[in-house]
Amino acid sequence: MEHFKPVKSDKEKVLVSVRLNVDILEKIDELSAKADISRNEFIVQCIQYSLKNIKNN
């Protein structure tokens, strides 16, 4: 499995609403700031990484 490494991206996006627990959002904010990318871009890349690496049963 590849390691997750967030990067900046300019791809077209669509608005979607998601509810998150406060502790998850705080961790996302911490990690996105560390990677110097927006919260949105970090979440998108986490989802892309998960979809690429998920094991289909």
Protein backbone atom coordinates (compact mmCIF):
# COMPACT_ATOMS: atom_id res chain seq x y z
CA MET A 1 0.00 0.00 0.00
CA GLU A 2 1.27 3.48 -0.88
CA HIS A 3 1.81 6.06 1.83
CA PHE A 4 -0.54 9.05 1.85
CA LYS A 5 1.13 12.31 0.79
CA PRO A 6 -1.16 15.33 0.29
CA VAL A 7 -0.41 17.78 -2.56
CA LYS A 8 -2.01 20.94 -3.96
CA SER A 9 -4.51 20.43 -6.81
CA ASP A 10 -6.61 22.64 -9.15
CA LYS A 11 -9.13 20.06 -10.38
CA GLU A 12 -12.80 20.99 -10.78
CA LYS A 13 -14.91 20.30 -7.68
CA VAL A 14 -18.60 19.81 -6.79
CA LEU A 15 -20.11 20.98 -3.49
CA VAL A 16 -21.03 18.15 -1.07
CA SER A 17 -22.04 18.47 2.57
CA VAL A 18 -20.67 16.05 5.19
CA ARG A 19 -21.12 15.98 8.96
CA LEU A 20 -17.99 15.14 10.98
CA ASN A 21 -17.27 14.61 14.66
CA VAL A 22 -15.43 17.57 16.20
CA ASP A 23 -12.36 15.47 17.04
CA ILE A 24 -12.06 14.28 13.43
CA LEU A 25 -12.39 17.85 12.13
CA GLU A 26 -9.71 19.08 14.53
CA LYS A 27 -7.31 16.38 13.30
CA ILE A 28 -8.11 17.22 9.67
CA ASP A 29 -7.43 20.90 10.34
CA GLU A 30 -4.14 20.06 12.05
CA LEU A 31 -2.92 17.81 9.23
CA SER A 32 -4.09 20.06 6.39
CA ALA A 33 -2.31 23.04 7.96
CA LYS A 34 0.84 20.95 8.32
CA ALA A 35 0.62 20.00 4.61
CA ASP A 36 -0.12 23.65 3.67
CA ILE A 37 -3.31 22.76 1.78
CA SER A 38 -6.97 23.60 2.40
CA ARG A 39 -9.19 21.46 4.58
CA ASN A 40 -11.25 20.63 1.50
CA GLU A 41 -8.26 19.51 -0.55
CA PHE A 42 -7.01 17.37 2.33
CA ILE A 43 -10.39 15.64 2.71
CA VAL A 44 -10.63 15.04 -1.06
CA GLN A 45 -7.16 13.49 -1.11
CA CYS A 46 -7.94 11.32 1.92
CA ILE A 47 -11.03 10.00 0.13
CA GLN A 48 -9.06 9.40 -3.10
CA TYR A 49 -6.36 7.56 -1.15
CA SER A 50 -8.95 5.43 0.65
CA LEU A 51 -10.76 4.52 -2.55
CA LYS A 52 -7.50 3.59 -4.25
CA ASN A 53 -6.35 1.43 -1.35
CA ILE A 54 -9.59 -0.14 -0.14
CA LYS A 55 -9.72 -3.92 -0.25
CA ASN A 56 -12.83 -5.08 -2.09
CA ASN A 57 -14.34 -8.19 -0.56
